[in-house]
């Protein structure tokens, strides 16, 4: 590792929360990187375990390259990651969240070489390996051969390729991009760090695909940790549905930003709402119902009649029995009509 005290070439952002057991591996994987000038920015989102002690230890051990942000309150994943990113001084930015780690000591060097010599490339991403915490086993990703995503294009077609999920996924901890591009993105899309979003990675992928080409390195450089606490893989159905709604909000916002067809969007969103609406029917969760109505108004997507009936049956208990009968009749007629088409 080569240190540059004033202008690090690469900033590595490490947002973390309650990851005392994992973040040591995260930081060691970053410190093992070879032949690059780096700074590390750790943003601890008000953890209530020993994450602070670990971060403080590393900051004191490597004061020239580690910047430590200790949030006094829990800001949430969006604001904490925003603070981490905005503190970056490098020409390039990489991200490694506090429960993932890098397994290739030349990850940054290889990505840096590509970005330095390929101005049309907006982002480098790599293959990865999953680590299943419950069993302590490693699992190769499903990506091995064939076209990955946005390797040769940019603009609206690349945005739509990601937006319509015509790809195998990208791991946030595998990417590197230019700070200048990031600053342009947040200027042009002022809602990028909206608190009603559940994650930031999709916004990055949508925008970076639109503004440049992607370059895929087909070898695992990062380990993606899968456990019950992962925000996108959660066994708590309430949290899982709030996360899913946050993803829908992201999709609606960026669809508007890039003039994606509102007809297509509304159809896709109402399809995506199937799981949330089933949850509402089973659990009568008024808060989730209110959040869904708030999202539809704020992000300007239209709910189908069926989705509205489910929401209002959740909000108005005395109407729920009548509305459920209407929904059963609707489903029955829909099936009958489909059989006759």
Foldseek 3Di string as FASTA:
>chain_A
DDEDQPEFAEEEFEEEAQQLPAQVQAVVQVVLAPDGYYAYEYQYQCHPDCPVVVLVVVCVVCVRRYHYHYDNHRPAPLVSSVVRLVPDRHQKYAYDYRRKHWDDNHLVVVQVVCVVVPVQQFKEFEFAWEQEVVVRDIHGAPDADDDAAQAPDAAPVRLVCVLVPVHRDTDRRGMMGGSVQVVVLCVLQVCQSPPQANDNPNVVSNSSRHRHGYHYHYDHGMYHYDDCPPQCRHPPLVSNLSNLSNVLLSSLSVCVSRVPDLVVSLVVSQVSCPSVLVCCLVPLDLVSLVSNVVSCVVSVHDHDPLSVLSSVCSVDVVCVVVSVVVNVVVVVVVVVVVVVD
